[in-house]
């Protein structure tokens, strides 16, 4: 596994750990009546930022995240964003996706090769 993918998985694991904190704080499966609203919003924002940071614009992951944030209450959104991150983690782990940084490096390298020809 490439170093960039390992770093992405590490970030995803950290973000999923934040969701676990919200799960432990809530007496309900939908994460209600647990953490204060500002802490829930902080976790929500970090999850969404992680998806944006680790994927290319317009990716299926980003599209799913866009759909999630248009529906439901913040707790259910958190759970759905966590599901997207879990899918991303599995795909990174299996080598099915590259980080945005890897894609940019690849494109730049291809441009240099084209110029060399």
PDB file of N, CA and C in Angstrom:
ATOM      1  N   UNK A   1       0.853  -1.186   0.000  1.00  0.00           N
ATOM      2  CA  UNK A   1       0.000   0.000   0.000  1.00  0.00           C
ATOM      3  C   UNK A   1       0.895   1.244   0.000  1.00  0.00           C
ATOM      4  N   UNK A   2       0.514   2.194  -0.802  1.00  0.00           N
ATOM      5  CA  UNK A   2       1.293   3.424  -0.898  1.00  0.00           C
ATOM      6  C   UNK A   2       1.171   4.248   0.371  1.00  0.00           C
ATOM      7  N   UNK A   3       2.211   5.034   0.615  1.00  0.00           N
ATOM      8  CA  UNK A   3       2.259   5.892   1.811  1.00  0.00           C
ATOM      9  C   UNK A   3       1.085   6.859   1.840  1.00  0.00           C
ATOM     10  N   UNK A   4       0.736   7.461   0.678  1.00  0.00           N
ATOM     11  CA  UNK A   4      -0.378   8.402   0.643  1.00  0.00           C
ATOM     12  C   UNK A   4      -1.685   7.729   1.050  1.00  0.00           C
ATOM     13  N   UNK A   5      -1.873   6.491   0.589  1.00  0.00           N
ATOM     14  CA  UNK A   5      -3.088   5.766   0.953  1.00  0.00           C
ATOM     15  C   UNK A   5      -3.099   5.442   2.438  1.00  0.00           C
ATOM     16  N   UNK A   6      -1.946   5.104   2.979  1.00  0.00           N
ATOM     17  CA  UNK A   6      -1.859   4.830   4.420  1.00  0.00           C
ATOM     18  C   UNK A   6      -2.206   6.077   5.224  1.00  0.00           C
ATOM     19  N   UNK A   7      -1.734   7.239   4.764  1.00  0.00           N
ATOM     20  CA  UNK A   7      -2.072   8.486   5.452  1.00  0.00           C
ATOM     21  C   UNK A   7      -3.566   8.768   5.360  1.00  0.00           C
ATOM     22  N   UNK A   8      -4.156   8.517   4.204  1.00  0.00           N
ATOM     23  CA  UNK A   8      -5.595   8.726   4.036  1.00  0.00           C
ATOM     24  C   UNK A   8      -6.371   7.811   4.983  1.00  0.00           C
ATOM     25  N   UNK A   9      -5.965   6.555   5.075  1.00  0.00           N
ATOM     26  CA  UNK A   9      -6.638   5.618   5.978  1.00  0.00           C
ATOM     27  C   UNK A   9      -6.488   6.078   7.425  1.00  0.00           C
ATOM     28  N   UNK A  10      -5.329   6.581   7.776  1.00  0.00           N
ATOM     29  CA  UNK A  10      -5.125   7.109   9.129  1.00  0.00           C
ATOM     30  C   UNK A  10      -6.061   8.264   9.431  1.00  0.00           C
ATOM     31  N   UNK A  11      -6.228   9.167   8.465  1.00  0.00           N
ATOM     32  CA  UNK A  11      -7.159  10.287   8.656  1.00  0.00           C
ATOM     33  C   UNK A  11      -8.596   9.784   8.793  1.00  0.00           C
ATOM     34  N   UNK A  12      -8.962   8.827   7.955  1.00  0.00           N
ATOM     35  CA  UNK A  12     -10.314   8.277   8.015  1.00  0.00           C
ATOM     36  C   UNK A  12     -10.546   7.614   9.372  1.00  0.00           C
ATOM     37  N   UNK A  13      -9.582   6.830   9.834  1.00  0.00           N
ATOM     38  CA  UNK A  13      -9.731   6.171  11.141  1.00  0.00           C
ATOM     39  C   UNK A  13      -9.910   7.193  12.256  1.00  0.00           C
ATOM     40  N   UNK A  14      -9.170   8.295  12.180  1.00  0.00           N
ATOM     41  CA  UNK A  14      -9.315   9.338  13.195  1.00  0.00           C
ATOM     42  C   UNK A  14     -10.730   9.933  13.150  1.00  0.00           C
ATOM     43  N   UNK A  15     -11.211  10.204  11.953  1.00  0.00           N
ATOM     44  CA  UNK A  15     -12.558  10.770  11.813  1.00  0.00           C
ATOM     45  C   UNK A  15     -13.621   9.796  12.307  1.00  0.00           C
ATOM     46  N   UNK A  16     -13.465   8.529  11.985  1.00  0.00           N
ATOM     47  CA  UNK A  16     -14.430   7.531  12.461  1.00  0.00           C
ATOM     48  C   UNK A  16     -14.371   7.406  13.985  1.00  0.00           C
ATOM     49  N   UNK A  17     -13.216   7.652  14.557  1.00  0.00           N
ATOM     50  CA  UNK A  17     -13.095   7.672  16.018  1.00  0.00           C
ATOM     51  C   UNK A  17     -13.928   8.786  16.634  1.00  0.00           C
ATOM     52  N   UNK A  18     -14.036   9.910  15.937  1.00  0.00           N
ATOM     53  CA  UNK A  18     -14.876  11.010  16.413  1.00  0.00           C
ATOM     54  C   UNK A  18     -16.347  10.600  16.432  1.00  0.00           C
ATOM     55  N   UNK A  19     -16.751   9.828  15.439  1.00  0.00           N
ATOM     56  CA  UNK A  19     -18.132   9.331  15.403  1.00  0.00           C
ATOM     57  C   UNK A  19     -18.365   8.385  16.579  1.00  0.00           C
ATOM     58  N   UNK A  20     -17.376   7.585  16.910  1.00  0.00           N
ATOM     59  CA  UNK A  20     -17.513   6.669  18.056  1.00  0.00           C
ATOM     60  C   UNK A  20     -17.683   7.441  19.359  1.00  0.00           C
ATOM     61  N   UNK A  21     -17.023   8.573  19.475  1.00  0.00           N
ATOM     62  CA  UNK A  21     -17.215   9.414  20.661  1.00  0.00           C
ATOM     63  C   UNK A  21     -18.671   9.852  20.745  1.00  0.00           C
ATOM     64  N   UNK A  22     -19.240  10.258  19.619  1.00  0.00           N
ATOM     65  CA  UNK A  22     -20.648  10.670  19.592  1.00  0.00           C
ATOM     66  C   UNK A  22     -21.560   9.486  19.918  1.00  0.00           C
ATOM     67  N   UNK A  23     -21.227   8.296  19.415  1.00  0.00           N
ATOM     68  CA  UNK A  23     -22.032   7.098  19.714  1.00  0.00           C
ATOM     69  C   UNK A  23     -22.039   6.797  21.209  1.00  0.00           C
ATOM     70  N   UNK A  24     -20.856   6.857  21.818  1.00  0.00           N
ATOM     71  CA  UNK A  24     -20.760   6.546  23.248  1.00  0.00           C
ATOM     72  C   UNK A  24     -21.490   7.573  24.110  1.00  0.00           C
ATOM     73  N   UNK A  25     -21.558   8.810  23.634  1.00  0.00           N
ATOM     74  CA  UNK A  25     -22.196   9.872  24.416  1.00  0.00           C
ATOM     75  C   UNK A  25     -23.717   9.858  24.318  1.00  0.00           C
ATOM     76  N   UNK A  26     -24.242   9.148  23.335  1.00  0.00           N
ATOM     77  CA  UNK A  26     -25.683   9.173  23.108  1.00  0.00           C
ATOM     78  C   UNK A  26     -26.352   7.894  23.600  1.00  0.00           C
ATOM     79  N   UNK A  27     -27.501   8.039  24.283  1.00  0.00           N
ATOM     80  CA  UNK A  27     -28.239   6.850  24.694  1.00  0.00           C
ATOM     81  C   UNK A  27     -29.077   6.261  23.556  1.00  0.00           C
ATOM     82  N   UNK A  28     -29.088   6.926  22.397  1.00  0.00           N
ATOM     83  CA  UNK A  28     -29.935   6.504  21.274  1.00  0.00           C
ATOM     84  C   UNK A  28     -29.104   6.158  20.043  1.00  0.00           C
ATOM     85  N   UNK A  29     -29.637   5.262  19.220  1.00  0.00           N
ATOM     86  CA  UNK A  29     -28.936   4.850  18.005  1.00  0.00           C
ATOM     87  C   UNK A  29     -28.770   5.979  16.997  1.00  0.00           C
ATOM     88  N   UNK A  30     -29.628   6.993  17.046  1.00  0.00           N
ATOM     89  CA  UNK A  30     -29.538   8.102  16.081  1.00  0.00           C
ATOM     90  C   UNK A  30     -28.624   9.226  16.575  1.00  0.00           C
ATOM     91  N   UNK A  31     -27.918   8.983  17.649  1.00  0.00           N
ATOM     92  CA  UNK A  31     -26.956   9.916  18.258  1.00  0.00           C
ATOM     93  C   UNK A  31     -27.607  11.128  18.916  1.00  0.00           C
ATOM     94  N   UNK A  32     -28.907  11.088  19.092  1.00  0.00           N
ATOM     95  CA  UNK A  32     -29.593  12.208  19.740  1.00  0.00           C
ATOM     96  C   UNK A  32     -29.363  12.178  21.241  1.00  0.00           C
ATOM     97  N   UNK A  33     -29.514  13.359  21.845  1.00  0.00           N
ATOM     98  CA  UNK A  33     -29.413  13.548  23.296  1.00  0.00           C
ATOM     99  C   UNK A  33     -28.067  13.123  23.865  1.00  0.00           C
ATOM    100  N   UNK A  34     -27.035  13.276  23.051  1.00  0.00           N
ATOM    101  CA  UNK A  34     -25.691  12.940  23.495  1.00  0.00           C
ATOM    102  C   UNK A  34     -24.841  14.183  23.606  1.00  0.00           C
ATOM    103  N   UNK A  35     -23.937  14.348  22.689  1.00  0.00           N
ATOM    104  CA  UNK A  35     -23.047  15.502  22.695  1.00  0.00           C
ATOM    105  C   UNK A  35     -23.825  16.789  22.442  1.00  0.00           C
ATOM    106  N   UNK A  36     -23.313  17.904  22.952  1.00  0.00           N
ATOM    107  CA  UNK A  36     -23.945  19.197  22.655  1.00  0.00           C
ATOM    108  C   UNK A  36     -23.932  19.466  21.146  1.00  0.00           C
ATOM    109  N   UNK A  37     -24.873  20.291  20.704  1.00  0.00           N
ATOM    110  CA  UNK A  37     -25.020  20.583  19.278  1.00  0.00           C
ATOM    111  C   UNK A  37     -23.734  21.095  18.644  1.00  0.00           C
ATOM    112  N   UNK A  38     -23.001  21.950  19.349  1.00  0.00           N
ATOM    113  CA  UNK A  38     -21.777  22.494  18.753  1.00  0.00           C
ATOM    114  C   UNK A  38     -20.727  21.407  18.525  1.00  0.00           C
ATOM    115  N   UNK A  39     -20.652  20.432  19.418  1.00  0.00           N
ATOM    116  CA  UNK A  39     -19.704  19.332  19.233  1.00  0.00           C
ATOM    117  C   UNK A  39     -20.141  18.415  18.097  1.00  0.00           C
ATOM    118  N   UNK A  40     -21.440  18.186  17.986  1.00  0.00           N
ATOM    119  CA  UNK A  40     -21.958  17.382  16.873  1.00  0.00           C
ATOM    120  C   UNK A  40     -21.655  18.073  15.546  1.00  0.00           C
ATOM    121  N   UNK A  41     -21.856  19.386  15.499  1.00  0.00           N
ATOM    122  CA  UNK A  41     -21.600  20.136  14.268  1.00  0.00           C
ATOM    123  C   UNK A  41     -20.110  20.120  13.938  1.00  0.00           C
ATOM    124  N   UNK A  42     -19.263  20.175  14.949  1.00  0.00           N
ATOM    125  CA  UNK A  42     -17.819  20.116  14.719  1.00  0.00           C
ATOM    126  C   UNK A  42     -17.438  18.782  14.084  1.00  0.00           C
ATOM    127  N   UNK A  43     -17.941  17.700  14.631  1.00  0.00           N
ATOM    128  CA  UNK A  43     -17.642  16.375  14.074  1.00  0.00           C
ATOM    129  C   UNK A  43     -18.191  16.282  12.650  1.00  0.00           C
ATOM    130  N   UNK A  44     -19.405  16.743  12.465  1.00  0.00           N
ATOM    131  CA  UNK A  44     -20.035  16.731  11.136  1.00  0.00           C
ATOM    132  C   UNK A  44     -19.162  17.470  10.128  1.00  0.00           C
ATOM    133  N   UNK A  45     -18.699  18.640  10.488  1.00  0.00           N
ATOM    134  CA  UNK A  45     -17.884  19.455   9.595  1.00  0.00           C
ATOM    135  C   UNK A  45     -16.567  18.761   9.282  1.00  0.00           C
ATOM    136  N   UNK A  46     -15.965  18.167  10.292  1.00  0.00           N
ATOM    137  CA  UNK A  46     -14.694  17.465  10.077  1.00  0.00           C
ATOM    138  C   UNK A  46     -14.866  16.261   9.160  1.00  0.00           C
ATOM    139  N   UNK A  47     -15.976  15.526   9.304  1.00  0.00           N
ATOM    140  CA  UNK A  47     -16.225  14.387   8.425  1.00  0.00           C
ATOM    141  C   UNK A  47     -16.374  14.853   6.985  1.00  0.00           C
ATOM    142  N   UNK A  48     -17.183  15.893   6.823  1.00  0.00           N
ATOM    143  CA  UNK A  48     -17.418  16.413   5.473  1.00  0.00           C
ATOM    144  C   UNK A  48     -16.112  16.952   4.867  1.00  0.00           C
ATOM    145  N   UNK A  49     -15.330  17.658   5.645  1.00  0.00           N
ATOM    146  CA  UNK A  49     -14.058  18.183   5.156  1.00  0.00           C
ATOM    147  C   UNK A  49     -13.104  17.040   4.793  1.00  0.00           C
ATOM    148  N   UNK A  50     -13.125  15.980   5.577  1.00  0.00           N
ATOM    149  CA  UNK A  50     -12.277  14.826   5.275  1.00  0.00           C
ATOM    150  C   UNK A  50     -12.646  14.181   3.953  1.00  0.00           C
ATOM    151  N   UNK A  51     -13.930  14.048   3.699  1.00  0.00           N
ATOM    152  CA  UNK A  51     -14.376  13.484   2.425  1.00  0.00           C
ATOM    153  C   UNK A  51     -13.923  14.376   1.280  1.00  0.00           C
ATOM    154  N   UNK A  52     -14.105  15.681   1.439  1.00  0.00           N
ATOM    155  CA  UNK A  52     -13.685  16.624   0.395  1.00  0.00           C
ATOM    156  C   UNK A  52     -12.168  16.594   0.186  1.00  0.00           C
ATOM    157  N   UNK A  53     -11.425  16.519   1.276  1.00  0.00           N
ATOM    158  CA  UNK A  53      -9.965  16.576   1.218  1.00  0.00           C
ATOM    159  C   UNK A  53      -9.381  15.321   0.568  1.00  0.00           C
ATOM    160  N   UNK A  54      -9.983  14.181   0.823  1.00  0.00           N
ATOM    161  CA  UNK A  54      -9.397  12.912   0.403  1.00  0.00           C
ATOM    162  C   UNK A  54      -9.900  12.392  -0.937  1.00  0.00           C
ATOM    163  N   UNK A  55     -10.867  13.073  -1.524  1.00  0.00           N
ATOM    164  CA  UNK A  55     -11.400  12.611  -2.799  1.00  0.00           C
ATOM    165  C   UNK A  55     -11.367  13.724  -3.835  1.00  0.00           C
ATOM    166  N   UNK A  56     -11.463  13.319  -5.060  1.00  0.00           N
ATOM    167  CA  UNK A  56     -11.497  14.279  -6.161  1.00  0.00           C
ATOM    168  C   UNK A  56     -12.868  14.947  -6.205  1.00  0.00           C
ATOM    169  N   UNK A  57     -12.914  16.211  -6.620  1.00  0.00           N
ATOM    170  CA  UNK A  57     -14.207  16.878  -6.771  1.00  0.00           C
ATOM    171  C   UNK A  57     -15.086  16.094  -7.745  1.00  0.00           C
ATOM    172  N   UNK A  58     -16.342  15.931  -7.399  1.00  0.00           N
ATOM    173  CA  UNK A  58     -17.272  15.209  -8.263  1.00  0.00           C
ATOM    174  C   UNK A  58     -17.217  13.701  -8.123  1.00  0.00           C
ATOM    175  N   UNK A  59     -16.405  13.198  -7.180  1.00  0.00           N
ATOM    176  CA  UNK A  59     -16.331  11.747  -6.980  1.00  0.00           C
ATOM    177  C   UNK A  59     -17.660  11.243  -6.435  1.00  0.00           C
ATOM    178  N   UNK A  60     -17.877   9.958  -6.538  1.00  0.00           N
ATOM    179  CA  UNK A  60     -19.092   9.346  -5.991  1.00  0.00           C
ATOM    180  C   UNK A  60     -19.182   9.614  -4.494  1.00  0.00           C
ATOM    181  N   UNK A  61     -18.048   9.580  -3.799  1.00  0.00           N
ATOM    182  CA  UNK A  61     -18.048   9.844  -2.360  1.00  0.00           C
ATOM    183  C   UNK A  61     -18.552  11.258  -2.076  1.00  0.00           C
ATOM    184  N   UNK A  62     -18.045  12.227  -2.829  1.00  0.00           N
ATOM    185  CA  UNK A  62     -18.455  13.627  -2.641  1.00  0.00           C
ATOM    186  C   UNK A  62     -19.932  13.808  -2.971  1.00  0.00           C
ATOM    187  N   UNK A  63     -20.394  13.152  -4.030  1.00  0.00           N
ATOM    188  CA  UNK A  63     -21.811  13.252  -4.410  1.00  0.00           C
ATOM    189  C   UNK A  63     -22.705  12.662  -3.322  1.00  0.00           C
ATOM    190  N   UNK A  64     -22.287  11.534  -2.770  1.00  0.00           N
ATOM    191  CA  UNK A  64     -23.056  10.927  -1.679  1.00  0.00           C
ATOM    192  C   UNK A  64     -23.082  11.848  -0.462  1.00  0.00           C
ATOM    193  N   UNK A  65     -21.945  12.458  -0.152  1.00  0.00           N
ATOM    194  CA  UNK A  65     -21.887  13.376   0.991  1.00  0.00           C
ATOM    195  C   UNK A  65     -22.797  14.578   0.759  1.00  0.00           C
ATOM    196  N   UNK A  66     -22.831  15.092  -0.469  1.00  0.00           N
ATOM    197  CA  UNK A  66     -23.738  16.201  -0.791  1.00  0.00           C
ATOM    198  C   UNK A  66     -25.184  15.813  -0.525  1.00  0.00           C
ATOM    199  N   UNK A  67     -25.551  14.596  -0.923  1.00  0.00           N
ATOM    200  CA  UNK A  67     -26.927  14.129  -0.725  1.00  0.00           C
ATOM    201  C   UNK A  67     -27.244  13.971   0.762  1.00  0.00           C
ATOM    202  N   UNK A  68     -26.284  13.474   1.525  1.00  0.00           N
ATOM    203  CA  UNK A  68     -26.491  13.247   2.961  1.00  0.00           C
ATOM    204  C   UNK A  68     -26.787  14.545   3.696  1.00  0.00           C
ATOM    205  N   UNK A  69     -26.044  15.595   3.389  1.00  0.00           N
ATOM    206  CA  UNK A  69     -26.191  16.823   4.168  1.00  0.00           C
ATOM    207  C   UNK A  69     -27.459  17.592   3.825  1.00  0.00           C
ATOM    208  N   UNK A  70     -28.207  17.123   2.863  1.00  0.00           N
ATOM    209  CA  UNK A  70     -29.481  17.765   2.517  1.00  0.00           C
ATOM    210  C   UNK A  70     -30.660  17.135   3.249  1.00  0.00           C
ATOM    211  N   UNK A  71     -30.416  16.081   3.983  1.00  0.00           N
ATOM    212  CA  UNK A  71     -31.520  15.353   4.606  1.00  0.00           C
ATOM    213  C   UNK A  71     -31.266  15.120   6.089  1.00  0.00           C
ATOM    214  N   UNK A  72     -32.349  15.011   6.817  1.00  0.00           N
ATOM    215  CA  UNK A  72     -32.296  14.563   8.197  1.00  0.00           C
ATOM    216  C   UNK A  72     -31.616  15.477   9.191  1.00  0.00           C
ATOM    217  N   UNK A  73     -31.554  14.972  10.378  1.00  0.00           N
ATOM    218  CA  UNK A  73     -30.972  15.692  11.507  1.00  0.00           C
ATOM    219  C   UNK A  73     -29.478  15.373  11.582  1.00  0.00           C
ATOM    220  N   UNK A  74     -28.719  16.190  12.254  1.00  0.00           N
ATOM    221  CA  UNK A  74     -27.256  16.105  12.241  1.00  0.00           C
ATOM    222  C   UNK A  74     -26.749  14.732  12.687  1.00  0.00           C
ATOM    223  N   UNK A  75     -27.426  14.084  13.624  1.00  0.00           N
ATOM    224  CA  UNK A  75     -26.998  12.756  14.076  1.00  0.00           C
ATOM    225  C   UNK A  75     -27.088  11.723  12.966  1.00  0.00           C
ATOM    226  N   UNK A  76     -28.190  11.718  12.240  1.00  0.00           N
ATOM    227  CA  UNK A  76     -28.321  10.764  11.138  1.00  0.00           C
ATOM    228  C   UNK A  76     -27.358  11.118  10.006  1.00  0.00           C
ATOM    229  N   UNK A  77     -27.117  12.414   9.809  1.00  0.00           N
ATOM    230  CA  UNK A  77     -26.130  12.820   8.811  1.00  0.00           C
ATOM    231  C   UNK A  77     -24.745  12.312   9.194  1.00  0.00           C
ATOM    232  N   UNK A  78     -24.415  12.426  10.481  1.00  0.00           N
ATOM    233  CA  UNK A  78     -23.118  11.926  10.959  1.00  0.00           C
ATOM    234  C   UNK A  78     -22.956  10.441  10.659  1.00  0.00           C
ATOM    235  N   UNK A  79     -23.989   9.679  10.942  1.00  0.00           N
ATOM    236  CA  UNK A  79     -23.928   8.238  10.709  1.00  0.00           C
ATOM    237  C   UNK A  79     -23.769   7.929   9.223  1.00  0.00           C
ATOM    238  N   UNK A  80     -24.470   8.668   8.382  1.00  0.00           N
ATOM    239  CA  UNK A  80     -24.358   8.448   6.942  1.00  0.00           C
ATOM    240  C   UNK A  80     -23.001   8.876   6.397  1.00  0.00           C
ATOM    241  N   UNK A  81     -22.476   9.989   6.896  1.00  0.00           N
ATOM    242  CA  UNK A  81     -21.128  10.404   6.490  1.00  0.00           C
ATOM    243  C   UNK A  81     -20.100   9.374   6.944  1.00  0.00           C
ATOM    244  N   UNK A  82     -20.311   8.801   8.128  1.00  0.00           N
ATOM    245  CA  UNK A  82     -19.409   7.748   8.617  1.00  0.00           C
ATOM    246  C   UNK A  82     -19.461   6.545   7.678  1.00  0.00           C
ATOM    247  N   UNK A  83     -20.639   6.222   7.177  1.00  0.00           N
ATOM    248  CA  UNK A  83     -20.757   5.127   6.220  1.00  0.00           C
ATOM    249  C   UNK A  83     -19.969   5.389   4.946  1.00  0.00           C
ATOM    250  N   UNK A  84     -20.007   6.622   4.475  1.00  0.00           N
ATOM    251  CA  UNK A  84     -19.227   6.999   3.285  1.00  0.00           C
ATOM    252  C   UNK A  84     -17.736   6.859   3.583  1.00  0.00           C
ATOM    253  N   UNK A  85     -17.319   7.335   4.752  1.00  0.00           N
ATOM    254  CA  UNK A  85     -15.908   7.210   5.130  1.00  0.00           C
ATOM    255  C   UNK A  85     -15.488   5.749   5.269  1.00  0.00           C
ATOM    256  N   UNK A  86     -16.372   4.901   5.772  1.00  0.00           N
ATOM    257  CA  UNK A  86     -16.046   3.482   5.877  1.00  0.00           C
ATOM    258  C   UNK A  86     -15.861   2.866   4.489  1.00  0.00           C
ATOM    259  N   UNK A  87     -16.707   3.273   3.535  1.00  0.00           N
ATOM    260  CA  UNK A  87     -16.549   2.794   2.159  1.00  0.00           C
ATOM    261  C   UNK A  87     -15.236   3.288   1.567  1.00  0.00           C
ATOM    262  N   UNK A  88     -14.923   4.554   1.814  1.00  0.00           N
ATOM    263  CA  UNK A  88     -13.653   5.105   1.329  1.00  0.00           C
ATOM    264  C   UNK A  88     -12.480   4.326   1.912  1.00  0.00           C
ATOM    265  N   UNK A  89     -12.550   4.053   3.207  1.00  0.00           N
ATOM    266  CA  UNK A  89     -11.452   3.342   3.866  1.00  0.00           C
ATOM    267  C   UNK A  89     -11.244   1.976   3.234  1.00  0.00           C
ATOM    268  N   UNK A  90     -12.339   1.255   3.025  1.00  0.00           N
ATOM    269  CA  UNK A  90     -12.240  -0.071   2.418  1.00  0.00           C
ATOM    270  C   UNK A  90     -11.653   0.021   1.014  1.00  0.00           C
ATOM    271  N   UNK A  91     -12.050   1.023   0.253  1.00  0.00           N
ATOM    272  CA  UNK A  91     -11.540   1.177  -1.111  1.00  0.00           C
ATOM    273  C   UNK A  91     -10.071   1.593  -1.128  1.00  0.00           C
ATOM    274  N   UNK A  92      -9.671   2.481  -0.216  1.00  0.00           N
ATOM    275  CA  UNK A  92      -8.246   2.831  -0.112  1.00  0.00           C
ATOM    276  C   UNK A  92      -7.441   1.603   0.271  1.00  0.00           C
ATOM    277  N   UNK A  93      -7.939   0.851   1.250  1.00  0.00           N
ATOM    278  CA  UNK A  93      -7.242  -0.330   1.742  1.00  0.00           C
ATOM    279  C   UNK A  93      -7.070  -1.371   0.640  1.00  0.00           C
ATOM    280  N   UNK A  94      -8.072  -1.494  -0.224  1.00  0.00           N
ATOM    281  CA  UNK A  94      -8.015  -2.465  -1.317  1.00  0.00           C
ATOM    282  C   UNK A  94      -7.229  -1.947  -2.527  1.00  0.00           C
ATOM    283  N   UNK A  95      -6.828  -0.664  -2.482  1.00  0.00           N
ATOM    284  CA  UNK A  95      -6.073  -0.096  -3.587  1.00  0.00           C
ATOM    285  C   UNK A  95      -6.933   0.350  -4.751  1.00  0.00           C
ATOM    286  N   UNK A  96      -8.232   0.527  -4.506  1.00  0.00           N
ATOM    287  CA  UNK A  96      -9.148   0.906  -5.579  1.00  0.00           C
ATOM    288  C   UNK A  96      -9.154   2.392  -5.888  1.00  0.00           C
ATOM    289  N   UNK A  97      -8.671   3.210  -4.964  1.00  0.00           N
ATOM    290  CA  UNK A  97      -8.675   4.661  -5.198  1.00  0.00           C
ATOM    291  C   UNK A  97      -7.318   5.241  -4.868  1.00  0.00           C
ATOM    292  N   UNK A  98      -7.072   6.391  -5.443  1.00  0.00           N
ATOM    293  CA  UNK A  98      -5.866   7.150  -5.143  1.00  0.00           C
ATOM    294  C   UNK A  98      -6.291   8.431  -4.455  1.00  0.00           C
ATOM    295  N   UNK A  99      -5.397   8.961  -3.644  1.00  0.00           N
ATOM    296  CA  UNK A  99      -5.687  10.244  -3.030  1.00  0.00           C
ATOM    297  C   UNK A  99      -5.633  11.324  -4.098  1.00  0.00           C
ATOM    298  N   UNK A 100      -6.239  12.452  -3.809  1.00  0.00           N
ATOM    299  CA  UNK A 100      -6.203  13.583  -4.727  1.00  0.00           C
ATOM    300  C   UNK A 100      -4.756  13.970  -5.026  1.00  0.00           C
ATOM    301  N   UNK A 101      -3.920  13.934  -4.006  1.00  0.00           N
ATOM    302  CA  UNK A 101      -2.504  14.262  -4.199  1.00  0.00           C
ATOM    303  C   UNK A 101      -1.847  13.316  -5.202  1.00  0.00           C
ATOM    304  N   UNK A 102      -2.152  12.023  -5.093  1.00  0.00           N
ATOM    305  CA  UNK A 102      -1.589  11.058  -6.033  1.00  0.00           C
ATOM    306  C   UNK A 102      -2.067  11.328  -7.453  1.00  0.00           C
ATOM    307  N   UNK A 103      -3.332  11.680  -7.601  1.00  0.00           N
ATOM    308  CA  UNK A 103      -3.878  11.975  -8.921  1.00  0.00           C
ATOM    309  C   UNK A 103      -3.204  13.191  -9.540  1.00  0.00           C
ATOM    310  N   UNK A 104      -2.981  14.226  -8.730  1.00  0.00           N
ATOM    311  CA  UNK A 104      -2.322  15.436  -9.222  1.00  0.00           C
ATOM    312  C   UNK A 104      -0.884  15.122  -9.620  1.00  0.00           C
ATOM    313  N   UNK A 105      -0.169  14.378  -8.779  1.00  0.00           N
ATOM    314  CA  UNK A 105       1.215  14.019  -9.093  1.00  0.00           C
ATOM    315  C   UNK A 105       1.272  13.232 -10.394  1.00  0.00           C
ATOM    316  N   UNK A 106       0.342  12.319 -10.561  1.00  0.00           N
ATOM    317  CA  UNK A 106       0.299  11.515 -11.770  1.00  0.00           C
ATOM    318  C   UNK A 106       0.053  12.380 -13.002  1.00  0.00           C
ATOM    319  N   UNK A 107      -0.871  13.318 -12.901  1.00  0.00           N
ATOM    320  CA  UNK A 107      -1.186  14.201 -14.029  1.00  0.00           C
ATOM    321  C   UNK A 107       0.012  15.084 -14.377  1.00  0.00           C
ATOM    322  N   UNK A 108       0.686  15.612 -13.367  1.00  0.00           N
ATOM    323  CA  UNK A 108       1.860  16.460 -13.604  1.00  0.00           C
ATOM    324  C   UNK A 108       2.968  15.639 -14.255  1.00  0.00           C
ATOM    325  N   UNK A 109       3.192  14.431 -13.771  1.00  0.00           N
ATOM    326  CA  UNK A 109       4.222  13.572 -14.327  1.00  0.00           C
ATOM    327  C   UNK A 109       3.907  13.243 -15.787  1.00  0.00           C
ATOM    328  N   UNK A 110       2.651  12.958 -16.100  1.00  0.00           N
ATOM    329  CA  UNK A 110       2.256  12.697 -17.479  1.00  0.00           C
ATOM    330  C   UNK A 110       2.508  13.906 -18.364  1.00  0.00           C
ATOM    331  N   UNK A 111       2.225  15.109 -17.831  1.00  0.00           N
ATOM    332  CA  UNK A 111       2.499  16.334 -18.599  1.00  0.00           C
ATOM    333  C   UNK A 111       3.990  16.463 -18.901  1.00  0.00           C
ATOM    334  N   UNK A 112       4.851  16.180 -17.917  1.00  0.00           N
ATOM    335  CA  UNK A 112       6.294  16.234 -18.143  1.00  0.00           C
ATOM    336  C   UNK A 112       6.733  15.224 -19.203  1.00  0.00           C
ATOM    337  N   UNK A 113       6.150  14.033 -19.159  1.00  0.00           N
ATOM    338  CA  UNK A 113       6.493  13.021 -20.165  1.00  0.00           C
ATOM    339  C   UNK A 113       6.053  13.475 -21.558  1.00  0.00           C
ATOM    340  N   UNK A 114       4.866  14.065 -21.641  1.00  0.00           N
ATOM    341  CA  UNK A 114       4.391  14.579 -22.934  1.00  0.00           C
ATOM    342  C   UNK A 114       5.303  15.674 -23.465  1.00  0.00           C
ATOM    343  N   UNK A 115       5.736  16.567 -22.576  1.00  0.00           N
ATOM    344  CA  UNK A 115       6.639  17.642 -23.005  1.00  0.00           C
ATOM    345  C   UNK A 115       7.976  17.087 -23.460  1.00  0.00           C
ATOM    346  N   UNK A 116       8.424  16.010 -22.821  1.00  0.00           N
ATOM    347  CA  UNK A 116       9.690  15.391 -23.192  1.00  0.00           C
ATOM    348  C   UNK A 116       9.651  14.759 -24.573  1.00  0.00           C
ATOM    349  N   UNK A 117       8.483  14.278 -24.957  1.00  0.00           N
ATOM    350  CA  UNK A 117       8.333  13.681 -26.283  1.00  0.00           C
ATOM    351  C   UNK A 117       8.350  14.778 -27.325  1.00  0.00           C
TER     352      UNK A 117
END
